[in-house]
């Protein structure tokens, strides 16, 4: 990069590679793949997505509107709770609307069907099984607020419920889906004869290099053989944008305390890479090696430029000493990052660009002081 501005750069070639793979899986396994906005919402790239997929999934009023107005197709919508003042617009922007609870169904079913008679209604169910290790991301942990457990299911589904939605994964392999599917069928197959579709949610990381695509295809085709009337939907989430772009940052200063060297950057973990702290995970830094000690030369913590004391991670070992002006590239920073950034502390927000197939970099969005002010208008 020729300037000091932090920037996310999405690679169109990598994005199309992922889209092609996901489309191939969809065709081989006869499933509908849809884009989940909670993982990726760069709407200026939707024309690329529309070459491969037809639908998206939304979890809020704004996402439903974005699906309808920007993607150009009604959304598959699920929310933990629809509010009375938003649900009419959500229903008008959706093709599918899934309720999180039977009480929400009872309160809103007739209303949303009046707004949109063609709406297909779903119910989120809780298989009470998930291999997600981080509690913050586990949708099936005891006390979860997501979905209806089998013990609360009526023998006969209420009027108009066409499908089930279940989500149990987070960047998981097909072996995890294989084990999860056993629990889903054991608990909820008695109701399958009453529904038309099932949505297996997100977290299926089929574009990861070690993902077993053949196992996934076999599992889905086997499911079709057992329940041929069920239309199957999946929301790969991270898989669409997996390893499609990086966050380019720069060293502003290097400080040292108690033998710990910290390179302070022009980006922030808490503002621009929040998943690193929430998950938590150490991102790959181009040219550096992750280590757990400061005992080797040229090893640094990387610190953000916000005032949050914990806005740092470490340690990385670099080929040589770091100095102000050095570029730091955080790899794979498009999914679940560009959608979760914030302007805490009012620090400069990274721009967002795309590297086209011919190598040209086009700016999708540059942020300014006015963007910061508008958040508080």
Protein backbone atom coordinates (compact mmCIF):
# COMPACT_ATOMS: atom_id res chain seq x y z
CA UNK A 1 0.00 0.00 0.00
CA UNK A 2 1.23 3.50 -0.81
CA UNK A 3 -0.32 5.37 2.12
CA UNK A 4 -0.74 4.99 5.87
CA UNK A 5 -4.50 4.58 5.88
CA UNK A 6 -5.71 1.27 7.37
CA UNK A 7 -7.81 -0.66 4.90
CA UNK A 8 -9.63 -3.96 4.41
CA UNK A 9 -8.99 -5.38 0.94
CA UNK A 10 -11.38 -8.01 -0.38
CA UNK A 11 -10.03 -10.22 -3.17
CA UNK A 12 -12.64 -10.84 -5.89
CA UNK A 13 -10.83 -13.91 -7.23
CA UNK A 14 -10.89 -15.59 -3.80
CA UNK A 15 -14.53 -14.59 -3.30
CA UNK A 16 -15.55 -16.13 -6.61
CA UNK A 17 -13.59 -19.29 -5.79
CA UNK A 18 -15.64 -19.70 -2.61
CA UNK A 19 -18.90 -18.94 -4.38
CA UNK A 20 -18.15 -21.51 -7.07
CA UNK A 21 -17.37 -24.22 -4.51
CA UNK A 22 -20.52 -23.50 -2.47
CA UNK A 23 -22.61 -23.51 -5.65
CA UNK A 24 -21.17 -26.88 -6.65
CA UNK A 25 -22.07 -28.33 -3.25
CA UNK A 26 -25.59 -26.92 -3.57
CA UNK A 27 -26.05 -28.57 -6.96
CA UNK A 28 -24.57 -31.94 -5.96
CA UNK A 29 -26.57 -32.13 -2.71
CA UNK A 30 -29.76 -30.44 -3.93
CA UNK A 31 -29.80 -27.79 -1.21
CA UNK A 32 -30.41 -24.05 -1.21
CA UNK A 33 -27.38 -22.03 -0.06
CA UNK A 34 -28.10 -18.53 1.22
CA UNK A 35 -25.85 -15.71 2.40
CA UNK A 36 -26.12 -14.75 6.08
CA UNK A 37 -25.65 -11.02 6.52
CA UNK A 38 -24.45 -11.46 10.10
CA UNK A 39 -21.23 -12.85 8.61
CA UNK A 40 -20.92 -10.65 5.52
CA UNK A 41 -22.88 -7.59 4.42
CA UNK A 42 -20.78 -5.67 1.88
CA UNK A 43 -23.75 -4.83 -0.30
CA UNK A 44 -21.68 -3.26 -3.05
CA UNK A 45 -20.45 -6.77 -3.87
CA UNK A 46 -23.95 -8.26 -4.09
CA UNK A 47 -23.87 -8.23 -7.93
CA UNK A 48 -21.09 -10.83 -7.69
CA UNK A 49 -23.09 -12.98 -5.26
CA UNK A 50 -26.19 -12.84 -7.45
CA UNK A 51 -24.28 -14.62 -10.20
CA UNK A 52 -24.18 -17.67 -7.90
CA UNK A 53 -26.95 -17.55 -5.28
CA UNK A 54 -30.55 -16.34 -5.19
CA UNK A 55 -31.34 -15.63 -1.54
CA UNK A 56 -30.01 -14.26 1.73
CA UNK A 57 -30.82 -14.55 5.41
CA UNK A 58 -31.60 -11.66 7.74
CA UNK A 59 -31.90 -11.34 11.52
CA UNK A 60 -33.23 -7.81 11.90
CA UNK A 61 -35.28 -5.07 10.27
CA UNK A 62 -32.27 -3.46 8.59
CA UNK A 63 -30.92 -6.75 7.28
CA UNK A 64 -34.35 -7.68 5.90
CA UNK A 65 -34.59 -4.34 4.14
CA UNK A 66 -31.07 -4.76 2.75
CA UNK A 67 -32.01 -8.17 1.34
CA UNK A 68 -35.11 -6.78 -0.31
CA UNK A 69 -33.76 -3.42 -1.45
CA UNK A 70 -30.09 -4.12 -2.16
CA UNK A 71 -29.89 -7.84 -2.96
CA UNK A 72 -33.21 -7.63 -4.76
CA UNK A 73 -34.89 -10.67 -3.23
CA UNK A 74 -36.96 -11.21 -0.08
CA UNK A 75 -35.03 -12.59 2.89
CA UNK A 76 -35.14 -15.79 4.89
CA UNK A 77 -35.58 -14.04 8.23
CA UNK A 78 -35.03 -15.25 11.77
CA UNK A 79 -34.85 -13.13 14.92
CA UNK A 80 -34.80 -14.08 18.61
CA UNK A 81 -37.69 -11.64 19.03
CA UNK A 82 -39.71 -9.51 16.60
CA UNK A 83 -40.99 -6.22 17.99
CA UNK A 84 -44.48 -4.95 17.23
CA UNK A 85 -43.19 -1.76 15.62
CA UNK A 86 -40.85 -3.56 13.18
CA UNK A 87 -42.44 -6.88 12.30
CA UNK A 88 -44.77 -5.57 9.57
CA UNK A 89 -41.90 -4.21 7.49
CA UNK A 90 -39.83 -7.32 8.17
CA UNK A 91 -42.68 -9.53 6.94
CA UNK A 92 -43.09 -7.45 3.79
CA UNK A 93 -39.37 -7.86 3.00
CA UNK A 94 -39.23 -11.62 3.66
CA UNK A 95 -40.07 -14.85 1.86
CA UNK A 96 -39.53 -16.96 5.00
CA UNK A 97 -40.02 -15.84 8.59
CA UNK A 98 -38.93 -18.08 11.46
CA UNK A 99 -40.20 -17.63 15.00
CA UNK A 100 -37.90 -18.30 17.94
CA UNK A 101 -40.68 -19.39 20.30
CA UNK A 102 -44.26 -20.61 20.30
CA UNK A 103 -45.30 -17.49 22.20
CA UNK A 104 -43.94 -15.25 19.42
CA UNK A 105 -45.79 -17.41 16.89
CA UNK A 106 -49.05 -17.05 18.82
CA UNK A 107 -48.60 -13.29 19.15
CA UNK A 108 -47.61 -12.51 15.56
CA UNK A 109 -48.57 -15.31 13.15
CA UNK A 110 -51.91 -13.92 11.97
CA UNK A 111 -50.49 -10.43 11.73
CA UNK A 112 -47.50 -11.31 9.53
CA UNK A 113 -49.66 -13.49 7.28
CA UNK A 114 -52.03 -10.58 6.77
CA UNK A 115 -49.08 -8.38 5.80
CA UNK A 116 -47.62 -11.02 3.47
CA UNK A 117 -49.94 -13.97 2.71
CA UNK A 118 -47.21 -15.78 0.76
CA UNK A 119 -44.85 -15.80 3.74
CA UNK A 120 -43.52 -19.26 4.64
CA UNK A 121 -43.43 -19.63 8.43
CA UNK A 122 -40.75 -21.51 10.33
CA UNK A 123 -40.02 -22.43 13.94
CA UNK A 124 -36.54 -22.53 15.42
CA UNK A 125 -35.88 -25.77 17.28
CA UNK A 126 -33.15 -26.57 19.79
CA UNK A 127 -31.45 -29.97 19.35
CA UNK A 128 -29.70 -29.44 22.71
CA UNK A 129 -26.43 -30.56 21.14
CA UNK A 130 -23.53 -28.47 19.89
CA UNK A 131 -19.78 -28.97 19.71
CA UNK A 132 -19.04 -25.24 19.77
CA UNK A 133 -16.42 -24.89 22.49
CA UNK A 134 -16.65 -21.15 23.15
CA UNK A 135 -19.68 -20.42 25.34
CA UNK A 136 -20.22 -17.01 23.73
CA UNK A 137 -20.91 -18.75 20.40
CA UNK A 138 -22.73 -21.87 21.59
CA UNK A 139 -26.42 -21.61 20.60
CA UNK A 140 -27.43 -24.82 22.37
CA UNK A 141 -25.84 -24.28 25.79
CA UNK A 142 -28.10 -24.86 28.83
CA UNK A 143 -30.27 -21.80 29.37
CA UNK A 144 -30.05 -20.77 25.72
CA UNK A 145 -32.54 -18.20 24.49
CA UNK A 146 -32.63 -19.82 21.04
CA UNK A 147 -35.35 -22.17 19.83
CA UNK A 148 -37.94 -24.60 21.15
CA UNK A 149 -36.79 -27.75 22.91
CA UNK A 150 -38.38 -31.11 22.15
CA UNK A 151 -40.06 -31.15 25.58
CA UNK A 152 -42.06 -28.04 24.64
CA UNK A 153 -43.18 -29.20 21.21
CA UNK A 154 -46.90 -29.92 20.68
CA UNK A 155 -47.78 -33.22 18.99
CA UNK A 156 -49.45 -31.29 16.18
CA UNK A 157 -47.64 -28.22 14.88
CA UNK A 158 -49.64 -25.00 14.97
CA UNK A 159 -51.35 -23.78 11.83
CA UNK A 160 -49.10 -22.53 9.04
CA UNK A 161 -45.69 -23.71 10.26
CA UNK A 162 -43.92 -24.90 7.12
CA UNK A 163 -40.38 -25.50 8.34
CA UNK A 164 -37.79 -25.91 11.07
CA UNK A 165 -34.66 -23.85 11.58
CA UNK A 166 -31.77 -25.13 13.70
CA UNK A 167 -28.30 -23.70 14.19
CA UNK A 168 -25.65 -25.65 16.10
CA UNK A 169 -22.30 -24.89 14.43
CA UNK A 170 -19.50 -22.34 14.33
CA UNK A 171 -16.85 -22.74 11.61
CA UNK A 172 -17.35 -26.50 11.95
CA UNK A 173 -16.45 -29.47 9.77
CA UNK A 174 -18.83 -31.91 8.12
CA UNK A 175 -17.94 -34.52 10.77
CA UNK A 176 -19.54 -32.21 13.34
CA UNK A 177 -22.62 -31.91 11.14
CA UNK A 178 -22.73 -35.70 10.92
CA UNK A 179 -22.88 -36.02 14.71
CA UNK A 180 -25.29 -33.11 15.07
CA UNK A 181 -27.65 -34.50 12.47
CA UNK A 182 -28.15 -37.61 14.60
CA UNK A 183 -29.49 -35.46 17.45
CA UNK A 184 -31.67 -33.36 15.15
CA UNK A 185 -33.33 -36.44 13.67
CA UNK A 186 -33.68 -38.27 16.98
CA UNK A 187 -35.48 -35.34 18.55
CA UNK A 188 -37.45 -33.74 15.73
CA UNK A 189 -38.02 -36.25 12.92
CA UNK A 190 -41.47 -37.14 14.38
CA UNK A 191 -42.59 -33.71 13.11
CA UNK A 192 -40.87 -33.89 9.69
CA UNK A 193 -44.03 -35.21 8.04
CA UNK A 194 -45.74 -31.95 9.03
CA UNK A 195 -43.22 -29.56 7.44
CA UNK A 196 -41.94 -28.69 3.96
CA UNK A 197 -38.42 -27.39 4.62
CA UNK A 198 -35.58 -27.49 7.11
CA UNK A 199 -32.81 -24.91 7.51
CA UNK A 200 -29.59 -26.33 8.99
CA UNK A 201 -28.28 -22.83 9.71
CA UNK A 202 -24.73 -21.60 9.47
CA UNK A 203 -21.28 -22.55 10.69
CA UNK A 204 -20.64 -25.10 7.91
CA UNK A 205 -17.13 -24.02 6.86
CA UNK A 206 -17.10 -25.84 3.54
CA UNK A 207 -14.50 -23.55 1.92
CA UNK A 208 -11.82 -24.36 4.51
CA UNK A 209 -9.02 -26.40 2.92
CA UNK A 210 -9.44 -29.41 5.22
CA UNK A 211 -13.26 -29.52 5.08
CA UNK A 212 -14.60 -32.90 3.92
CA UNK A 213 -16.91 -31.89 1.08
CA UNK A 214 -17.63 -35.47 0.05
CA UNK A 215 -18.90 -36.34 3.53
CA UNK A 216 -21.20 -33.30 3.52
CA UNK A 217 -22.65 -34.20 0.12
CA UNK A 218 -23.19 -37.80 1.21
CA UNK A 219 -24.88 -36.70 4.45
CA UNK A 220 -27.23 -34.34 2.63
CA UNK A 221 -28.10 -36.84 -0.09
CA UNK A 222 -28.76 -39.46 2.60
CA UNK A 223 -31.05 -37.01 4.36
CA UNK A 224 -32.95 -36.49 1.10
CA UNK A 225 -33.40 -40.24 0.74
CA UNK A 226 -34.95 -40.44 4.21
CA UNK A 227 -37.11 -37.32 3.85
CA UNK A 228 -37.52 -36.66 0.11
CA UNK A 229 -40.27 -34.05 0.60
CA UNK A 230 -38.09 -31.71 2.68
CA UNK A 231 -36.42 -28.77 0.95
CA UNK A 232 -33.02 -28.26 2.62
CA UNK A 233 -31.54 -24.82 3.26
CA UNK A 234 -28.08 -23.94 4.58
CA UNK A 235 -26.46 -20.64 5.57
CA UNK A 236 -22.68 -21.21 5.28
CA UNK A 237 -21.92 -17.80 6.83
CA UNK A 238 -18.14 -17.49 7.12
CA UNK A 239 -17.62 -19.92 4.25
CA UNK A 240 -18.56 -17.32 1.64
CA UNK A 241 -15.87 -14.87 2.73
CA UNK A 242 -13.35 -17.33 4.20
CA UNK A 243 -9.79 -16.18 3.39
CA UNK A 244 -11.00 -13.60 0.89
CA UNK A 245 -9.18 -10.56 2.22
CA UNK A 246 -6.91 -8.91 4.74
CA UNK A 247 -6.71 -5.87 7.00
CA UNK A 248 -3.69 -3.72 6.20
CA UNK A 249 -2.37 -1.68 9.13
CA UNK A 250 0.82 0.10 10.13
CA UNK A 251 3.05 0.43 13.15
CA UNK A 252 2.75 3.88 14.74
CA UNK A 253 5.05 3.38 17.74
CA UNK A 254 6.89 0.70 19.71
CA UNK A 255 6.80 0.81 23.52
CA UNK A 256 8.29 -1.48 26.17
CA UNK A 257 7.33 -2.31 29.75
CA UNK A 258 8.65 -5.09 31.98
CA UNK A 259 10.46 -6.56 29.03
CA UNK A 260 7.33 -6.70 26.86
CA UNK A 261 7.58 -4.86 23.56
CA UNK A 262 4.27 -3.69 22.10
CA UNK A 263 3.91 -2.40 18.57
CA UNK A 264 1.05 0.11 18.64
CA UNK A 265 -0.88 0.08 15.37
CA UNK A 266 -3.25 2.41 13.54
CA UNK A 267 -6.03 -0.17 13.99
CA UNK A 268 -7.77 -1.58 17.04
CA UNK A 269 -8.68 -5.12 18.01
CA UNK A 270 -11.73 -3.97 19.95
CA UNK A 271 -12.93 -1.68 17.14
CA UNK A 272 -11.82 -3.39 13.96
CA UNK A 273 -11.17 -7.05 14.85
CA UNK A 274 -13.57 -7.71 17.75
CA UNK A 275 -13.87 -11.45 17.09
CA UNK A 276 -10.19 -11.84 17.99
CA UNK A 277 -10.99 -10.76 21.55
CA UNK A 278 -14.43 -12.36 21.76
CA UNK A 279 -13.64 -15.83 20.42
CA UNK A 280 -10.70 -15.41 21.24
CA UNK A 281 -8.21 -16.31 18.52
CA UNK A 282 -4.83 -15.14 17.28
CA UNK A 283 -5.06 -13.96 13.68
CA UNK A 284 -2.38 -14.83 11.18
CA UNK A 285 -0.03 -11.92 10.50
CA UNK A 286 1.76 -12.08 7.15
CA UNK A 287 5.45 -12.87 7.60
CA UNK A 288 5.22 -13.35 11.37
CA UNK A 289 5.08 -16.44 13.56
CA UNK A 290 2.71 -16.82 16.49
CA UNK A 291 4.56 -17.63 19.71
CA UNK A 292 3.75 -17.79 23.42
CA UNK A 293 6.85 -16.12 24.80
CA UNK A 294 8.91 -12.94 24.55
CA UNK A 295 12.14 -14.90 24.95
CA UNK A 296 13.13 -14.74 21.28
CA UNK A 297 14.37 -11.69 19.33
CA UNK A 298 11.98 -9.50 17.35
CA UNK A 299 8.93 -10.69 19.27
CA UNK A 300 6.11 -8.22 19.93
CA UNK A 301 2.64 -7.87 21.27
CA UNK A 302 0.43 -6.02 18.84
CA UNK A 303 -1.60 -3.25 20.42
CA UNK A 304 -4.56 -1.28 19.15
CA UNK A 305 -4.82 2.49 19.26
CA UNK A 306 -7.91 2.73 21.46
CA UNK A 307 -7.94 3.61 25.16
CA UNK A 308 -9.19 0.16 26.20
CA UNK A 309 -6.45 -1.35 28.34
CA UNK A 310 -7.02 -4.81 26.91
CA UNK A 311 -6.86 -3.72 23.27
CA UNK A 312 -3.86 -5.91 22.47
CA UNK A 313 -2.87 -9.46 21.57
CA UNK A 314 0.42 -11.30 21.49
CA UNK A 315 2.92 -12.62 20.77
CA UNK A 316 4.23 -12.61 17.19
CA UNK A 317 7.85 -13.12 16.13
CA UNK A 318 8.91 -11.07 13.11
CA UNK A 319 11.88 -11.50 10.74
CA UNK A 320 13.41 -8.28 12.07
CA UNK A 321 12.73 -5.44 14.48
CA UNK A 322 9.55 -3.41 13.99
CA UNK A 323 9.60 0.36 13.57
CA UNK A 324 7.09 3.11 12.93
CA UNK A 325 5.75 2.93 9.39
CA UNK A 326 6.07 -0.85 8.96
CA UNK A 327 3.05 -2.51 7.37
CA UNK A 328 1.23 -5.19 9.38
CA UNK A 329 -1.18 -7.40 7.45
CA UNK A 330 -3.84 -9.33 9.37
CA UNK A 331 -5.01 -12.18 7.15
CA UNK A 332 -8.60 -13.38 6.66
CA UNK A 333 -10.31 -10.33 8.09
CA UNK A 334 -13.45 -9.97 5.95
CA UNK A 335 -16.04 -12.35 7.45
CA UNK A 336 -17.52 -11.41 10.83
CA UNK A 337 -15.13 -8.42 10.97
CA UNK A 338 -16.38 -5.85 8.49
CA UNK A 339 -19.90 -6.39 9.91
CA UNK A 340 -18.84 -5.91 13.55
CA UNK A 341 -16.54 -2.89 13.45
CA UNK A 342 -17.37 0.15 15.54
CA UNK A 343 -16.17 3.70 16.11
CA UNK A 344 -15.38 3.46 19.82
CA UNK A 345 -12.98 6.25 20.82
CA UNK A 346 -13.58 7.93 17.47
CA UNK A 347 -10.43 6.39 16.05
CA UNK A 348 -9.90 6.37 12.30
CA UNK A 349 -11.99 3.65 10.69
CA UNK A 350 -10.37 1.42 8.04
CA UNK A 351 -11.51 1.88 4.48
CA UNK A 352 -12.95 -1.05 2.52
CA UNK A 353 -11.73 -1.92 -0.98
CA UNK A 354 -11.90 -4.77 -3.47
CA UNK A 355 -9.10 -6.14 -5.63
CA UNK A 356 -10.70 -6.88 -8.98
CA UNK A 357 -9.85 -9.82 -11.23
CA UNK A 358 -7.43 -7.64 -13.22
CA UNK A 359 -5.58 -6.60 -10.05
CA UNK A 360 -7.06 -3.11 -9.87
CA UNK A 361 -8.09 -1.99 -6.37
CA UNK A 362 -11.46 -0.18 -6.23
CA UNK A 363 -12.54 1.66 -3.11
CA UNK A 364 -15.93 0.50 -1.80
CA UNK A 365 -16.10 2.84 1.17
CA UNK A 366 -13.87 5.40 2.89
CA UNK A 367 -14.93 6.68 6.30
CA UNK A 368 -14.71 10.24 7.59
CA UNK A 369 -15.23 12.43 10.63
CA UNK A 370 -18.80 12.97 9.44
CA UNK A 371 -19.49 9.24 9.75
CA UNK A 372 -18.43 9.42 13.38
CA UNK A 373 -20.65 12.46 14.00
CA UNK A 374 -23.62 10.88 12.25
CA UNK A 375 -23.61 7.96 14.67
CA UNK A 376 -24.55 10.42 17.41
CA UNK A 377 -26.84 12.78 15.48
